[in-house]
Amino acid sequence: MTLSDKVRGTIVLAHGSRDAFWRRPIEAVAERIRQLAPAVHVRCAYLEASVPDLNASADELAELGVELITVVPLFLGIGKHARDDIPVLLAELRKRHPGIAFVLRPAIGEEAQMIELMARIALS
């Protein structure tokens, strides 16, 4: 079975905030992923001050039979969370769910497409 044949999930991972309005753009990204790829199971997860956390979202996807989970950190830069904390959390998830392949994307702000989009927005 190839990766493309697996039941897929995506976790949109963000920092978190006690302010409920802060979650809106994160949830909007998750909803847009659902619209673009209805076969992909999508969940949000937060590192701090919000629920669900990464473990809870991965557990939910595992219960759905997901075999490949892509974690997309919605961070503009590579700070302590993106550089240190998230890789440790992913290593724990791999131990917790050995039958699931986990793929960690780079922080979204490091992606060339996002840099281009932010520059174009800034110039508009």
PDB file of N, CA and C in Angstrom:
ATOM      1  N   MET A   1       0.844  -1.185   0.000  1.00  0.00           N
ATOM      2  CA  MET A   1       0.000   0.000   0.000  1.00  0.00           C
ATOM      3  C   MET A   1       0.887   1.245   0.000  1.00  0.00           C
ATOM      4  N   THR A   2       0.639   2.176  -0.887  1.00  0.00           N
ATOM      5  CA  THR A   2       1.403   3.427  -0.942  1.00  0.00           C
ATOM      6  C   THR A   2       0.770   4.450  -0.013  1.00  0.00           C
ATOM      7  N   LEU A   3       1.488   5.547   0.230  1.00  0.00           N
ATOM      8  CA  LEU A   3       0.956   6.602   1.087  1.00  0.00           C
ATOM      9  C   LEU A   3      -0.347   7.165   0.549  1.00  0.00           C
ATOM     10  N   SER A   4      -0.472   7.250  -0.765  1.00  0.00           N
ATOM     11  CA  SER A   4      -1.679   7.831  -1.348  1.00  0.00           C
ATOM     12  C   SER A   4      -2.892   6.923  -1.171  1.00  0.00           C
ATOM     13  N   ASP A   5      -2.659   5.625  -0.887  1.00  0.00           N
ATOM     14  CA  ASP A   5      -3.767   4.696  -0.675  1.00  0.00           C
ATOM     15  C   ASP A   5      -4.274   4.699   0.760  1.00  0.00           C
ATOM     16  N   LYS A   6      -3.547   5.323   1.661  1.00  0.00           N
ATOM     17  CA  LYS A   6      -3.898   5.290   3.078  1.00  0.00           C
ATOM     18  C   LYS A   6      -5.032   6.255   3.390  1.00  0.00           C
ATOM     19  N   VAL A   7      -5.783   5.928   4.446  1.00  0.00           N
ATOM     20  CA  VAL A   7      -6.790   6.852   4.970  1.00  0.00           C
ATOM     21  C   VAL A   7      -6.020   7.995   5.610  1.00  0.00           C
ATOM     22  N   ARG A   8      -6.295   9.222   5.139  1.00  0.00           N
ATOM     23  CA  ARG A   8      -5.483  10.379   5.517  1.00  0.00           C
ATOM     24  C   ARG A   8      -6.186  11.307   6.489  1.00  0.00           C
ATOM     25  N   GLY A   9      -5.356  11.911   7.304  1.00  0.00           N
ATOM     26  CA  GLY A   9      -5.821  12.944   8.211  1.00  0.00           C
ATOM     27  C   GLY A   9      -4.845  14.098   8.218  1.00  0.00           C
ATOM     28  N   THR A  10      -5.341  15.267   8.553  1.00  0.00           N
ATOM     29  CA  THR A  10      -4.504  16.454   8.691  1.00  0.00           C
ATOM     30  C   THR A  10      -4.845  17.116  10.013  1.00  0.00           C
ATOM     31  N   ILE A  11      -3.803  17.465  10.751  1.00  0.00           N
ATOM     32  CA  ILE A  11      -3.986  18.246  11.977  1.00  0.00           C
ATOM     33  C   ILE A  11      -3.382  19.619  11.739  1.00  0.00           C
ATOM     34  N   VAL A  12      -4.219  20.635  11.850  1.00  0.00           N
ATOM     35  CA  VAL A  12      -3.789  22.024  11.760  1.00  0.00           C
ATOM     36  C   VAL A  12      -3.416  22.424  13.185  1.00  0.00           C
ATOM     37  N   LEU A  13      -2.126  22.630  13.420  1.00  0.00           N
ATOM     38  CA  LEU A  13      -1.602  22.857  14.767  1.00  0.00           C
ATOM     39  C   LEU A  13      -1.234  24.324  14.949  1.00  0.00           C
ATOM     40  N   ALA A  14      -1.778  24.925  16.002  1.00  0.00           N
ATOM     41  CA  ALA A  14      -1.497  26.331  16.286  1.00  0.00           C
ATOM     42  C   ALA A  14      -1.114  26.483  17.755  1.00  0.00           C
ATOM     43  N   HIS A  15      -0.686  27.671  18.096  1.00  0.00           N
ATOM     44  CA  HIS A  15      -0.219  27.924  19.461  1.00  0.00           C
ATOM     45  C   HIS A  15      -1.340  27.778  20.481  1.00  0.00           C
ATOM     46  N   GLY A  16      -2.441  28.470  20.273  1.00  0.00           N
ATOM     47  CA  GLY A  16      -3.545  28.465  21.226  1.00  0.00           C
ATOM     48  C   GLY A  16      -3.660  29.796  21.938  1.00  0.00           C
ATOM     49  N   SER A  17      -4.871  30.065  22.427  1.00  0.00           N
ATOM     50  CA  SER A  17      -5.147  31.310  23.150  1.00  0.00           C
ATOM     51  C   SER A  17      -6.419  31.123  23.969  1.00  0.00           C
ATOM     52  N   ARG A  18      -6.499  31.840  25.080  1.00  0.00           N
ATOM     53  CA  ARG A  18      -7.744  31.798  25.866  1.00  0.00           C
ATOM     54  C   ARG A  18      -8.863  32.585  25.184  1.00  0.00           C
ATOM     55  N   ASP A  19      -8.517  33.421  24.234  1.00  0.00           N
ATOM     56  CA  ASP A  19      -9.501  34.231  23.507  1.00  0.00           C
ATOM     57  C   ASP A  19     -10.151  33.368  22.421  1.00  0.00           C
ATOM     58  N   ALA A  20     -11.447  33.122  22.537  1.00  0.00           N
ATOM     59  CA  ALA A  20     -12.169  32.254  21.594  1.00  0.00           C
ATOM     60  C   ALA A  20     -12.123  32.798  20.162  1.00  0.00           C
ATOM     61  N   PHE A  21     -12.064  34.122  19.993  1.00  0.00           N
ATOM     62  CA  PHE A  21     -12.013  34.704  18.653  1.00  0.00           C
ATOM     63  C   PHE A  21     -10.709  34.376  17.938  1.00  0.00           C
ATOM     64  N   TRP A  22      -9.658  34.142  18.705  1.00  0.00           N
ATOM     65  CA  TRP A  22      -8.350  33.840  18.137  1.00  0.00           C
ATOM     66  C   TRP A  22      -8.403  32.573  17.277  1.00  0.00           C
ATOM     67  N   ARG A  23      -9.275  31.636  17.629  1.00  0.00           N
ATOM     68  CA  ARG A  23      -9.356  30.350  16.931  1.00  0.00           C
ATOM     69  C   ARG A  23      -9.999  30.443  15.550  1.00  0.00           C
ATOM     70  N   ARG A  24     -10.721  31.486  15.282  1.00  0.00           N
ATOM     71  CA  ARG A  24     -11.482  31.578  14.027  1.00  0.00           C
ATOM     72  C   ARG A  24     -10.654  31.334  12.768  1.00  0.00           C
ATOM     73  N   PRO A  25      -9.510  32.000  12.585  1.00  0.00           N
ATOM     74  CA  PRO A  25      -8.763  31.739  11.352  1.00  0.00           C
ATOM     75  C   PRO A  25      -8.196  30.319  11.288  1.00  0.00           C
ATOM     76  N   ILE A  26      -7.865  29.747  12.430  1.00  0.00           N
ATOM     77  CA  ILE A  26      -7.344  28.373  12.453  1.00  0.00           C
ATOM     78  C   ILE A  26      -8.449  27.418  11.996  1.00  0.00           C
ATOM     79  N   GLU A  27      -9.627  27.600  12.564  1.00  0.00           N
ATOM     80  CA  GLU A  27     -10.762  26.763  12.188  1.00  0.00           C
ATOM     81  C   GLU A  27     -11.177  26.994  10.741  1.00  0.00           C
ATOM     82  N   ALA A  28     -10.999  28.224  10.246  1.00  0.00           N
ATOM     83  CA  ALA A  28     -11.310  28.511   8.838  1.00  0.00           C
ATOM     84  C   ALA A  28     -10.359  27.759   7.909  1.00  0.00           C
ATOM     85  N   VAL A  29      -9.098  27.657   8.293  1.00  0.00           N
ATOM     86  CA  VAL A  29      -8.143  26.882   7.494  1.00  0.00           C
ATOM     87  C   VAL A  29      -8.576  25.421   7.464  1.00  0.00           C
ATOM     88  N   ALA A  30      -8.939  24.882   8.620  1.00  0.00           N
ATOM     89  CA  ALA A  30      -9.390  23.481   8.676  1.00  0.00           C
ATOM     90  C   ALA A  30     -10.627  23.266   7.809  1.00  0.00           C
ATOM     91  N   GLU A  31     -11.553  24.191   7.859  1.00  0.00           N
ATOM     92  CA  GLU A  31     -12.768  24.061   7.054  1.00  0.00           C
ATOM     93  C   GLU A  31     -12.450  24.128   5.561  1.00  0.00           C
ATOM     94  N   ARG A  32     -11.528  24.991   5.189  1.00  0.00           N
ATOM     95  CA  ARG A  32     -11.153  25.088   3.769  1.00  0.00           C
ATOM     96  C   ARG A  32     -10.477  23.801   3.300  1.00  0.00           C
ATOM     97  N   ILE A  33      -9.664  23.184   4.154  1.00  0.00           N
ATOM     98  CA  ILE A  33      -9.060  21.895   3.810  1.00  0.00           C
ATOM     99  C   ILE A  33     -10.158  20.862   3.572  1.00  0.00           C
ATOM    100  N   ARG A  34     -11.163  20.861   4.435  1.00  0.00           N
ATOM    101  CA  ARG A  34     -12.281  19.918   4.267  1.00  0.00           C
ATOM    102  C   ARG A  34     -12.981  20.127   2.925  1.00  0.00           C
ATOM    103  N   GLN A  35     -13.139  21.381   2.530  1.00  0.00           N
ATOM    104  CA  GLN A  35     -13.790  21.679   1.249  1.00  0.00           C
ATOM    105  C   GLN A  35     -12.928  21.225   0.072  1.00  0.00           C
ATOM    106  N   LEU A  36     -11.629  21.438   0.184  1.00  0.00           N
ATOM    107  CA  LEU A  36     -10.718  21.084  -0.908  1.00  0.00           C
ATOM    108  C   LEU A  36     -10.474  19.579  -1.009  1.00  0.00           C
ATOM    109  N   ALA A  37     -10.516  18.891   0.128  1.00  0.00           N
ATOM    110  CA  ALA A  37     -10.190  17.454   0.149  1.00  0.00           C
ATOM    111  C   ALA A  37     -11.157  16.728   1.085  1.00  0.00           C
ATOM    112  N   PRO A  38     -12.397  16.508   0.644  1.00  0.00           N
ATOM    113  CA  PRO A  38     -13.407  15.907   1.522  1.00  0.00           C
ATOM    114  C   PRO A  38     -13.038  14.532   2.077  1.00  0.00           C
ATOM    115  N   ALA A  39     -12.155  13.811   1.418  1.00  0.00           N
ATOM    116  CA  ALA A  39     -11.779  12.473   1.903  1.00  0.00           C
ATOM    117  C   ALA A  39     -10.771  12.533   3.056  1.00  0.00           C
ATOM    118  N   VAL A  40     -10.174  13.693   3.281  1.00  0.00           N
ATOM    119  CA  VAL A  40      -9.177  13.845   4.341  1.00  0.00           C
ATOM    120  C   VAL A  40      -9.890  14.258   5.627  1.00  0.00           C
ATOM    121  N   HIS A  41      -9.615  13.521   6.700  1.00  0.00           N
ATOM    122  CA  HIS A  41     -10.170  13.873   8.016  1.00  0.00           C
ATOM    123  C   HIS A  41      -9.314  14.991   8.601  1.00  0.00           C
ATOM    124  N   VAL A  42      -9.941  16.082   9.020  1.00  0.00           N
ATOM    125  CA  VAL A  42      -9.202  17.263   9.466  1.00  0.00           C
ATOM    126  C   VAL A  42      -9.573  17.601  10.908  1.00  0.00           C
ATOM    127  N   ARG A  43      -8.562  17.909  11.687  1.00  0.00           N
ATOM    128  CA  ARG A  43      -8.760  18.348  13.066  1.00  0.00           C
ATOM    129  C   ARG A  43      -7.837  19.521  13.353  1.00  0.00           C
ATOM    130  N   CYS A  44      -8.247  20.372  14.288  1.00  0.00           N
ATOM    131  CA  CYS A  44      -7.391  21.429  14.814  1.00  0.00           C
ATOM    132  C   CYS A  44      -6.775  20.909  16.107  1.00  0.00           C
ATOM    133  N   ALA A  45      -5.619  21.440  16.453  1.00  0.00           N
ATOM    134  CA  ALA A  45      -4.980  21.143  17.731  1.00  0.00           C
ATOM    135  C   ALA A  45      -4.205  22.374  18.165  1.00  0.00           C
ATOM    136  N   TYR A  46      -4.026  22.492  19.478  1.00  0.00           N
ATOM    137  CA  TYR A  46      -3.377  23.676  20.038  1.00  0.00           C
ATOM    138  C   TYR A  46      -2.340  23.257  21.070  1.00  0.00           C
ATOM    139  N   LEU A  47      -1.244  23.990  21.123  1.00  0.00           N
ATOM    140  CA  LEU A  47      -0.174  23.675  22.070  1.00  0.00           C
ATOM    141  C   LEU A  47      -0.490  24.160  23.475  1.00  0.00           C
ATOM    142  N   GLU A  48      -1.133  25.315  23.590  1.00  0.00           N
ATOM    143  CA  GLU A  48      -1.376  25.918  24.899  1.00  0.00           C
ATOM    144  C   GLU A  48      -2.718  26.635  24.920  1.00  0.00           C
ATOM    145  N   ALA A  49      -3.319  26.693  26.099  1.00  0.00           N
ATOM    146  CA  ALA A  49      -4.460  27.562  26.406  1.00  0.00           C
ATOM    147  C   ALA A  49      -5.722  27.282  25.603  1.00  0.00           C
ATOM    148  N   SER A  50      -5.746  26.248  24.800  1.00  0.00           N
ATOM    149  CA  SER A  50      -6.921  25.881  24.011  1.00  0.00           C
ATOM    150  C   SER A  50      -6.988  24.366  23.915  1.00  0.00           C
ATOM    151  N   VAL A  51      -8.160  23.877  23.661  1.00  0.00           N
ATOM    152  CA  VAL A  51      -8.342  22.442  23.419  1.00  0.00           C
ATOM    153  C   VAL A  51      -8.994  22.272  22.065  1.00  0.00           C
ATOM    154  N   PRO A  52      -8.741  21.157  21.414  1.00  0.00           N
ATOM    155  CA  PRO A  52      -7.996  19.986  21.858  1.00  0.00           C
ATOM    156  C   PRO A  52      -6.495  20.165  21.668  1.00  0.00           C
ATOM    157  N   ASP A  53      -5.739  19.348  22.403  1.00  0.00           N
ATOM    158  CA  ASP A  53      -4.294  19.345  22.192  1.00  0.00           C
ATOM    159  C   ASP A  53      -3.959  18.342  21.091  1.00  0.00           C
ATOM    160  N   LEU A  54      -2.692  18.234  20.772  1.00  0.00           N
ATOM    161  CA  LEU A  54      -2.250  17.380  19.669  1.00  0.00           C
ATOM    162  C   LEU A  54      -2.589  15.912  19.924  1.00  0.00           C
ATOM    163  N   ASN A  55      -2.386  15.448  21.149  1.00  0.00           N
ATOM    164  CA  ASN A  55      -2.712  14.056  21.475  1.00  0.00           C
ATOM    165  C   ASN A  55      -4.185  13.751  21.257  1.00  0.00           C
ATOM    166  N   ALA A  56      -5.053  14.621  21.732  1.00  0.00           N
ATOM    167  CA  ALA A  56      -6.500  14.387  21.600  1.00  0.00           C
ATOM    168  C   ALA A  56      -6.917  14.347  20.137  1.00  0.00           C
ATOM    169  N   SER A  57      -6.373  15.248  19.330  1.00  0.00           N
ATOM    170  CA  SER A  57      -6.738  15.263  17.909  1.00  0.00           C
ATOM    171  C   SER A  57      -6.214  14.023  17.197  1.00  0.00           C
ATOM    172  N   ALA A  58      -4.997  13.607  17.524  1.00  0.00           N
ATOM    173  CA  ALA A  58      -4.438  12.388  16.917  1.00  0.00           C
ATOM    174  C   ALA A  58      -5.243  11.160  17.354  1.00  0.00           C
ATOM    175  N   ASP A  59      -5.633  11.117  18.616  1.00  0.00           N
ATOM    176  CA  ASP A  59      -6.452  10.002  19.105  1.00  0.00           C
ATOM    177  C   ASP A  59      -7.767   9.912  18.344  1.00  0.00           C
ATOM    178  N   GLU A  60      -8.401  11.070  18.114  1.00  0.00           N
ATOM    179  CA  GLU A  60      -9.661  11.099  17.357  1.00  0.00           C
ATOM    180  C   GLU A  60      -9.478  10.537  15.959  1.00  0.00           C
ATOM    181  N   LEU A  61      -8.407  10.972  15.304  1.00  0.00           N
ATOM    182  CA  LEU A  61      -8.143  10.493  13.946  1.00  0.00           C
ATOM    183  C   LEU A  61      -7.823   8.998  13.945  1.00  0.00           C
ATOM    184  N   ALA A  62      -7.108   8.536  14.949  1.00  0.00           N
ATOM    185  CA  ALA A  62      -6.798   7.109  15.051  1.00  0.00           C
ATOM    186  C   ALA A  62      -8.088   6.291  15.189  1.00  0.00           C
ATOM    187  N   GLU A  63      -9.029   6.794  15.971  1.00  0.00           N
ATOM    188  CA  GLU A  63     -10.314   6.104  16.146  1.00  0.00           C
ATOM    189  C   GLU A  63     -11.094   6.022  14.833  1.00  0.00           C
ATOM    190  N   LEU A  64     -10.838   6.947  13.929  1.00  0.00           N
ATOM    191  CA  LEU A  64     -11.504   6.941  12.617  1.00  0.00           C
ATOM    192  C   LEU A  64     -10.799   6.022  11.617  1.00  0.00           C
ATOM    193  N   GLY A  65      -9.689   5.418  12.029  1.00  0.00           N
ATOM    194  CA  GLY A  65      -8.966   4.528  11.138  1.00  0.00           C
ATOM    195  C   GLY A  65      -7.956   5.211  10.245  1.00  0.00           C
ATOM    196  N   VAL A  66      -7.595   6.442  10.578  1.00  0.00           N
ATOM    197  CA  VAL A  66      -6.608   7.173   9.778  1.00  0.00           C
ATOM    198  C   VAL A  66      -5.258   6.473   9.885  1.00  0.00           C
ATOM    199  N   GLU A  67      -4.579   6.347   8.750  1.00  0.00           N
ATOM    200  CA  GLU A  67      -3.292   5.653   8.690  1.00  0.00           C
ATOM    201  C   GLU A  67      -2.119   6.589   8.439  1.00  0.00           C
ATOM    202  N   LEU A  68      -2.409   7.796   7.986  1.00  0.00           N
ATOM    203  CA  LEU A  68      -1.384   8.801   7.702  1.00  0.00           C
ATOM    204  C   LEU A  68      -1.891  10.147   8.203  1.00  0.00           C
ATOM    205  N   ILE A  69      -1.148  10.757   9.114  1.00  0.00           N
ATOM    206  CA  ILE A  69      -1.534  12.067   9.650  1.00  0.00           C
ATOM    207  C   ILE A  69      -0.447  13.072   9.308  1.00  0.00           C
ATOM    208  N   THR A  70      -0.844  14.136   8.622  1.00  0.00           N
ATOM    209  CA  THR A  70       0.052  15.251   8.329  1.00  0.00           C
ATOM    210  C   THR A  70      -0.233  16.350   9.346  1.00  0.00           C
ATOM    211  N   VAL A  71       0.808  16.792  10.037  1.00  0.00           N
ATOM    212  CA  VAL A  71       0.684  17.868  11.018  1.00  0.00           C
ATOM    213  C   VAL A  71       1.235  19.137  10.376  1.00  0.00           C
ATOM    214  N   VAL A  72       0.380  20.164  10.332  1.00  0.00           N
ATOM    215  CA  VAL A  72       0.741  21.430   9.688  1.00  0.00           C
ATOM    216  C   VAL A  72       0.812  22.523  10.756  1.00  0.00           C
ATOM    217  N   PRO A  73       2.016  22.908  11.185  1.00  0.00           N
ATOM    218  CA  PRO A  73       2.137  23.963  12.188  1.00  0.00           C
ATOM    219  C   PRO A  73       1.827  25.336  11.587  1.00  0.00           C
ATOM    220  N   LEU A  74       0.799  25.975  12.095  1.00  0.00           N
ATOM    221  CA  LEU A  74       0.449  27.313  11.621  1.00  0.00           C
ATOM    222  C   LEU A  74       1.212  28.350  12.449  1.00  0.00           C
ATOM    223  N   PHE A  75       2.517  28.346  12.260  1.00  0.00           N
ATOM    224  CA  PHE A  75       3.423  29.279  12.912  1.00  0.00           C
ATOM    225  C   PHE A  75       4.145  30.053  11.818  1.00  0.00           C
ATOM    226  N   LEU A  76       4.332  31.364  12.035  1.00  0.00           N
ATOM    227  CA  LEU A  76       5.012  32.158  11.018  1.00  0.00           C
ATOM    228  C   LEU A  76       6.514  31.915  11.010  1.00  0.00           C
ATOM    229  N   GLY A  77       7.085  31.626  12.148  1.00  0.00           N
ATOM    230  CA  GLY A  77       8.518  31.412  12.204  1.00  0.00           C
ATOM    231  C   GLY A  77       8.866  30.179  12.992  1.00  0.00           C
ATOM    232  N   ILE A  78      10.139  29.867  12.977  1.00  0.00           N
ATOM    233  CA  ILE A  78      10.610  28.689  13.703  1.00  0.00           C
ATOM    234  C   ILE A  78      11.178  29.170  15.033  1.00  0.00           C
ATOM    235  N   GLY A  79      10.301  29.249  16.021  1.00  0.00           N
ATOM    236  CA  GLY A  79      10.714  29.564  17.382  1.00  0.00           C
ATOM    237  C   GLY A  79      10.853  28.273  18.168  1.00  0.00           C
ATOM    238  N   LYS A  80      10.858  28.409  19.481  1.00  0.00           N
ATOM    239  CA  LYS A  80      11.046  27.258  20.362  1.00  0.00           C
ATOM    240  C   LYS A  80       9.998  26.176  20.120  1.00  0.00           C
ATOM    241  N   HIS A  81       8.735  26.571  19.977  1.00  0.00           N
ATOM    242  CA  HIS A  81       7.688  25.562  19.767  1.00  0.00           C
ATOM    243  C   HIS A  81       7.944  24.756  18.500  1.00  0.00           C
ATOM    244  N   ALA A  82       8.156  25.457  17.392  1.00  0.00           N
ATOM    245  CA  ALA A  82       8.334  24.766  16.102  1.00  0.00           C
ATOM    246  C   ALA A  82       9.655  24.002  16.051  1.00  0.00           C
ATOM    247  N   ARG A  83      10.675  24.559  16.648  1.00  0.00           N
ATOM    248  CA  ARG A  83      12.009  23.945  16.579  1.00  0.00           C
ATOM    249  C   ARG A  83      12.178  22.799  17.572  1.00  0.00           C
ATOM    250  N   ASP A  84      11.675  22.967  18.802  1.00  0.00           N
ATOM    251  CA  ASP A  84      11.943  22.003  19.868  1.00  0.00           C
ATOM    252  C   ASP A  84      10.723  21.196  20.300  1.00  0.00           C
ATOM    253  N   ASP A  85       9.636  21.886  20.606  1.00  0.00           N
ATOM    254  CA  ASP A  85       8.485  21.228  21.229  1.00  0.00           C
ATOM    255  C   ASP A  85       7.726  20.306  20.279  1.00  0.00           C
ATOM    256  N   ILE A  86       7.438  20.774  19.087  1.00  0.00           N
ATOM    257  CA  ILE A  86       6.624  19.982  18.161  1.00  0.00           C
ATOM    258  C   ILE A  86       7.318  18.683  17.752  1.00  0.00           C
ATOM    259  N   PRO A  87       8.609  18.682  17.420  1.00  0.00           N
ATOM    260  CA  PRO A  87       9.246  17.396  17.100  1.00  0.00           C
ATOM    261  C   PRO A  87       9.183  16.386  18.255  1.00  0.00           C
ATOM    262  N   VAL A  88       9.302  16.859  19.487  1.00  0.00           N
ATOM    263  CA  VAL A  88       9.196  15.961  20.650  1.00  0.00           C
ATOM    264  C   VAL A  88       7.780  15.392  20.735  1.00  0.00           C
ATOM    265  N   LEU A  89       6.778  16.244  20.544  1.00  0.00           N
ATOM    266  CA  LEU A  89       5.383  15.779  20.569  1.00  0.00           C
ATOM    267  C   LEU A  89       5.125  14.753  19.469  1.00  0.00           C
ATOM    268  N   LEU A  90       5.705  14.978  18.286  1.00  0.00           N
ATOM    269  CA  LEU A  90       5.528  14.020  17.183  1.00  0.00           C
ATOM    270  C   LEU A  90       6.192  12.685  17.496  1.00  0.00           C
ATOM    271  N   ALA A  91       7.354  12.716  18.122  1.00  0.00           N
ATOM    272  CA  ALA A  91       8.031  11.469  18.506  1.00  0.00           C
ATOM    273  C   ALA A  91       7.166  10.690  19.493  1.00  0.00           C
ATOM    274  N   GLU A  92       6.531  11.399  20.421  1.00  0.00           N
ATOM    275  CA  GLU A  92       5.628  10.740  21.379  1.00  0.00           C
ATOM    276  C   GLU A  92       4.423  10.145  20.668  1.00  0.00           C
ATOM    277  N   LEU A  93       3.882  10.875  19.699  1.00  0.00           N
ATOM    278  CA  LEU A  93       2.733  10.361  18.953  1.00  0.00           C
ATOM    279  C   LEU A  93       3.090   9.103  18.170  1.00  0.00           C
ATOM    280  N   ARG A  94       4.274   9.084  17.598  1.00  0.00           N
ATOM    281  CA  ARG A  94       4.707   7.902  16.841  1.00  0.00           C
ATOM    282  C   ARG A  94       4.795   6.675  17.745  1.00  0.00           C
ATOM    283  N   LYS A  95       5.217   6.865  18.996  1.00  0.00           N
ATOM    284  CA  LYS A  95       5.257   5.762  19.951  1.00  0.00           C
ATOM    285  C   LYS A  95       3.845   5.357  20.374  1.00  0.00           C
ATOM    286  N   ARG A  96       3.006   6.351  20.568  1.00  0.00           N
ATOM    287  CA  ARG A  96       1.630   6.126  21.029  1.00  0.00           C
ATOM    288  C   ARG A  96       0.777   5.437  19.965  1.00  0.00           C
ATOM    289  N   HIS A  97       1.038   5.766  18.694  1.00  0.00           N
ATOM    290  CA  HIS A  97       0.275   5.218  17.564  1.00  0.00           C
ATOM    291  C   HIS A  97       1.237   4.632  16.535  1.00  0.00           C
ATOM    292  N   PRO A  98       1.851   3.485  16.832  1.00  0.00           N
ATOM    293  CA  PRO A  98       2.862   2.943  15.924  1.00  0.00           C
ATOM    294  C   PRO A  98       2.320   2.533  14.550  1.00  0.00           C
ATOM    295  N   GLY A  99       1.031   2.339  14.426  1.00  0.00           N
ATOM    296  CA  GLY A  99       0.460   1.951  13.138  1.00  0.00           C
ATOM    297  C   GLY A  99       0.115   3.120  12.235  1.00  0.00           C
ATOM    298  N   ILE A 100       0.376   4.319  12.701  1.00  0.00           N
ATOM    299  CA  ILE A 100       0.061   5.523  11.924  1.00  0.00           C
ATOM    300  C   ILE A 100       1.357   6.188  11.488  1.00  0.00           C
ATOM    301  N   ALA A 101       1.423   6.580  10.223  1.00  0.00           N
ATOM    302  CA  ALA A 101       2.555   7.365   9.717  1.00  0.00           C
ATOM    303  C   ALA A 101       2.263   8.840   9.990  1.00  0.00           C
ATOM    304  N   PHE A 102       3.204   9.512  10.606  1.00  0.00           N
ATOM    305  CA  PHE A 102       3.071  10.939  10.885  1.00  0.00           C
ATOM    306  C   PHE A 102       4.057  11.715  10.028  1.00  0.00           C
ATOM    307  N   VAL A 103       3.575  12.769   9.388  1.00  0.00           N
ATOM    308  CA  VAL A 103       4.404  13.649   8.576  1.00  0.00           C
ATOM    309  C   VAL A 103       4.297  15.049   9.174  1.00  0.00           C
ATOM    310  N   LEU A 104       5.428  15.634   9.489  1.00  0.00           N
ATOM    311  CA  LEU A 104       5.456  16.992  10.029  1.00  0.00           C
ATOM    312  C   LEU A 104       5.879  17.957   8.942  1.00  0.00           C
ATOM    313  N   ARG A 105       4.979  18.858   8.582  1.00  0.00           N
ATOM    314  CA  ARG A 105       5.299  19.897   7.594  1.00  0.00           C
ATOM    315  C   ARG A 105       6.125  20.990   8.273  1.00  0.00           C
ATOM    316  N   PRO A 106       6.840  21.782   7.497  1.00  0.00           N
ATOM    317  CA  PRO A 106       7.532  22.946   8.073  1.00  0.00           C
ATOM    318  C   PRO A 106       6.502  23.961   8.588  1.00  0.00           C
ATOM    319  N   ALA A 107       6.954  24.838   9.470  1.00  0.00           N
ATOM    320  CA  ALA A 107       6.093  25.935   9.911  1.00  0.00           C
ATOM    321  C   ALA A 107       5.573  26.663   8.675  1.00  0.00           C
ATOM    322  N   ILE A 108       4.301  26.979   8.667  1.00  0.00           N
ATOM    323  CA  ILE A 108       3.642  27.542   7.475  1.00  0.00           C
ATOM    324  C   ILE A 108       4.324  28.831   7.005  1.00  0.00           C
ATOM    325  N   GLY A 109       4.857  29.623   7.938  1.00  0.00           N
ATOM    326  CA  GLY A 109       5.520  30.870   7.573  1.00  0.00           C
ATOM    327  C   GLY A 109       6.849  30.682   6.880  1.00  0.00           C
ATOM    328  N   GLU A 110       7.363  29.461   6.897  1.00  0.00           N
ATOM    329  CA  GLU A 110       8.625  29.152   6.220  1.00  0.00           C
ATOM    330  C   GLU A 110       8.401  28.686   4.781  1.00  0.00           C
ATOM    331  N   GLU A 111       7.146  28.433   4.414  1.00  0.00           N
ATOM    332  CA  GLU A 111       6.818  27.954   3.069  1.00  0.00           C
ATOM    333  C   GLU A 111       6.912  29.107   2.061  1.00  0.00           C
ATOM    334  N   ALA A 112       7.561  28.861   0.944  1.00  0.00           N
ATOM    335  CA  ALA A 112       7.741  29.897  -0.079  1.00  0.00           C
ATOM    336  C   ALA A 112       6.403  30.478  -0.541  1.00  0.00           C
ATOM    337  N   GLN A 113       5.390  29.636  -0.663  1.00  0.00           N
ATOM    338  CA  GLN A 113       4.075  30.128  -1.102  1.00  0.00           C
ATOM    339  C   GLN A 113       3.482  31.105  -0.093  1.00  0.00           C
ATOM    340  N   MET A 114       3.674  30.840   1.206  1.00  0.00           N
ATOM    341  CA  MET A 114       3.135  31.730   2.229  1.00  0.00           C
ATOM    342  C   MET A 114       3.901  33.043   2.263  1.00  0.00           C
ATOM    343  N   ILE A 115       5.201  32.978   2.112  1.00  0.00           N
ATOM    344  CA  ILE A 115       6.005  34.199   2.074  1.00  0.00           C
ATOM    345  C   ILE A 115       5.555  35.074   0.901  1.00  0.00           C
ATOM    346  N   GLU A 116       5.363  34.452  -0.258  1.00  0.00           N
ATOM    347  CA  GLU A 116       4.891  35.174  -1.438  1.00  0.00           C
ATOM    348  C   GLU A 116       3.514  35.801  -1.184  1.00  0.00           C
ATOM    349  N   LEU A 117       2.599  35.019  -0.613  1.00  0.00           N
ATOM    350  CA  LEU A 117       1.250  35.514  -0.347  1.00  0.00           C
ATOM    351  C   LEU A 117       1.273  36.678   0.647  1.00  0.00           C
ATOM    352  N   MET A 118       2.055  36.559   1.707  1.00  0.00           N
ATOM    353  CA  MET A 118       2.121  37.649   2.684  1.00  0.00           C
ATOM    354  C   MET A 118       2.710  38.915   2.071  1.00  0.00           C
ATOM    355  N   ALA A 119       3.709  38.760   1.221  1.00  0.00           N
ATOM    356  CA  ALA A 119       4.284  39.929   0.553  1.00  0.00           C
ATOM    357  C   ALA A 119       3.252  40.586  -0.354  1.00  0.00           C
ATOM    358  N   ARG A 120       2.513  39.784  -1.090  1.00  0.00           N
ATOM    359  CA  ARG A 120       1.480  40.344  -1.994  1.00  0.00           C
ATOM    360  C   ARG A 120       0.376  41.037  -1.200  1.00  0.00           C
ATOM    361  N   ILE A 121      -0.017  40.461  -0.076  1.00  0.00           N
ATOM    362  CA  ILE A 121      -1.034  41.102   0.776  1.00  0.00           C
ATOM    363  C   ILE A 121      -0.495  42.418   1.305  1.00  0.00           C
ATOM    364  N   ALA A 122       0.764  42.420   1.738  1.00  0.00           N
ATOM    365  CA  ALA A 122       1.377  43.648   2.271  1.00  0.00           C
ATOM    366  C   ALA A 122       1.431  44.748   1.215  1.00  0.00           C
ATOM    367  N   LEU A 123       1.609  44.377  -0.041  1.00  0.00           N
ATOM    368  CA  LEU A 123       1.692  45.357  -1.116  1.00  0.00           C
ATOM    369  C   LEU A 123       0.338  45.792  -1.659  1.00  0.00           C
ATOM    370  N   SER A 124      -0.701  45.098  -1.304  1.00  0.00           N
ATOM    371  CA  SER A 124      -2.018  45.422  -1.880  1.00  0.00           C
ATOM    372  C   SER A 124      -2.651  46.644  -1.250  1.00  0.00           C
TER     373      SER A 124
END
